[in-house]
C-alpha cells in the first residue's frame, strides 16, 4: 500500500478533497497509472499498488517525483 499525504506548504495543514493519482515508470500498471483517489479530512489518499518509481499528481499537476512506497508527503 502507498499512502500520499497532501499538505499546504504555507501552513503545514492537511488538504482534503484533492484528486490524487500515481504514475509509475515502466510497465507497472496498464497505462502506467493508479486509479484516482480523493484526500480525506487528514489530507491522505491510499493506493493498493506495489511500490516503484514514479510521480504523484495532485489535481492533474505533478507534485512529487521519485520513490513511491510507504507514505509520501506532498506539499502544495
Protein backbone atom coordinates (compact mmCIF):
# COMPACT_ATOMS: atom_id res chain seq x y z
CA UNK A 1 0.00 0.00 0.00
CA UNK A 2 1.11 3.54 -0.78
CA UNK A 3 -0.27 6.50 1.18
CA UNK A 4 0.01 10.08 -0.03
CA UNK A 5 -0.47 12.95 2.42
CA UNK A 6 -1.15 16.34 0.83
CA UNK A 7 -0.38 19.40 2.96
CA UNK A 8 -0.25 23.14 2.35
CA UNK A 9 3.33 24.41 2.08
CA UNK A 10 2.44 27.67 3.80
CA UNK A 11 0.70 26.23 6.87
CA UNK A 12 1.59 22.53 7.05
CA UNK A 13 -2.13 21.72 7.38
CA UNK A 14 -3.66 18.76 5.54
CA UNK A 15 -5.68 19.40 2.39
CA UNK A 16 -8.94 17.46 1.96
CA UNK A 17 -10.81 16.81 -1.28
CA UNK A 18 -7.82 16.86 -3.64
CA UNK A 19 -7.72 14.39 -6.55
CA UNK A 20 -4.55 12.28 -6.34
CA UNK A 21 -3.19 9.83 -8.91
CA UNK A 22 0.07 7.88 -9.13
CA UNK A 23 2.01 7.47 -12.36
CA UNK A 24 4.53 4.64 -12.45
CA UNK A 25 7.71 4.41 -14.53
CA UNK A 26 7.86 1.35 -16.77
CA UNK A 27 5.00 -1.07 -17.19
CA UNK A 28 3.83 -1.41 -13.59
CA UNK A 29 0.15 -1.00 -14.44
CA UNK A 30 -1.92 -0.90 -17.60
CA UNK A 31 -1.43 2.66 -18.78
CA UNK A 32 1.11 3.24 -16.00
CA UNK A 33 -1.39 4.97 -13.67
CA UNK A 34 -3.28 4.17 -10.50
CA UNK A 35 -6.93 4.96 -10.01
CA UNK A 36 -7.91 8.47 -8.88
CA UNK A 37 -8.39 8.86 -5.12
CA UNK A 38 -9.55 11.87 -3.11
CA UNK A 39 -7.77 13.05 0.02
CA UNK A 40 -9.71 12.56 3.25
CA UNK A 41 -10.05 15.04 6.14
CA UNK A 42 -6.47 14.22 7.17
CA UNK A 43 -5.16 15.00 3.69
CA UNK A 44 -4.47 11.35 2.92
CA UNK A 45 -5.18 9.18 -0.11
CA UNK A 46 -4.43 5.44 -0.10
CA UNK A 47 -3.49 3.20 -3.01
CA UNK A 48 -3.31 -0.60 -3.17
CA UNK A 49 -0.35 -0.59 -5.55
CA UNK A 50 3.10 -2.10 -5.36
CA UNK A 51 5.96 0.31 -4.65
CA UNK A 52 8.02 1.68 -7.51
CA UNK A 53 9.45 4.80 -9.09
CA UNK A 54 7.14 7.44 -10.50
CA UNK A 55 5.13 10.58 -9.87
CA UNK A 56 2.32 11.86 -7.68
CA UNK A 57 -0.25 14.06 -9.42
CA UNK A 58 -2.49 16.35 -7.39
CA UNK A 59 -5.41 17.76 -9.37
CA UNK A 60 -3.54 16.87 -12.57
CA UNK A 61 -0.25 18.60 -11.69
CA UNK A 62 2.99 16.78 -10.93
CA UNK A 63 3.65 17.37 -7.24
CA UNK A 64 6.32 14.74 -6.50
CA UNK A 65 8.74 12.59 -8.45
CA UNK A 66 10.75 9.71 -7.03
CA UNK A 67 10.21 6.64 -4.87
CA UNK A 68 6.58 5.64 -4.36
CA UNK A 69 6.45 3.44 -1.27
CA UNK A 70 5.04 3.61 2.23
CA UNK A 71 3.97 7.17 2.97
CA UNK A 72 4.77 10.07 0.65
CA UNK A 73 4.17 13.64 1.86
CA UNK A 74 3.45 16.17 -0.87
CA UNK A 75 3.46 19.94 -0.31
CA UNK A 76 1.31 22.17 -2.49
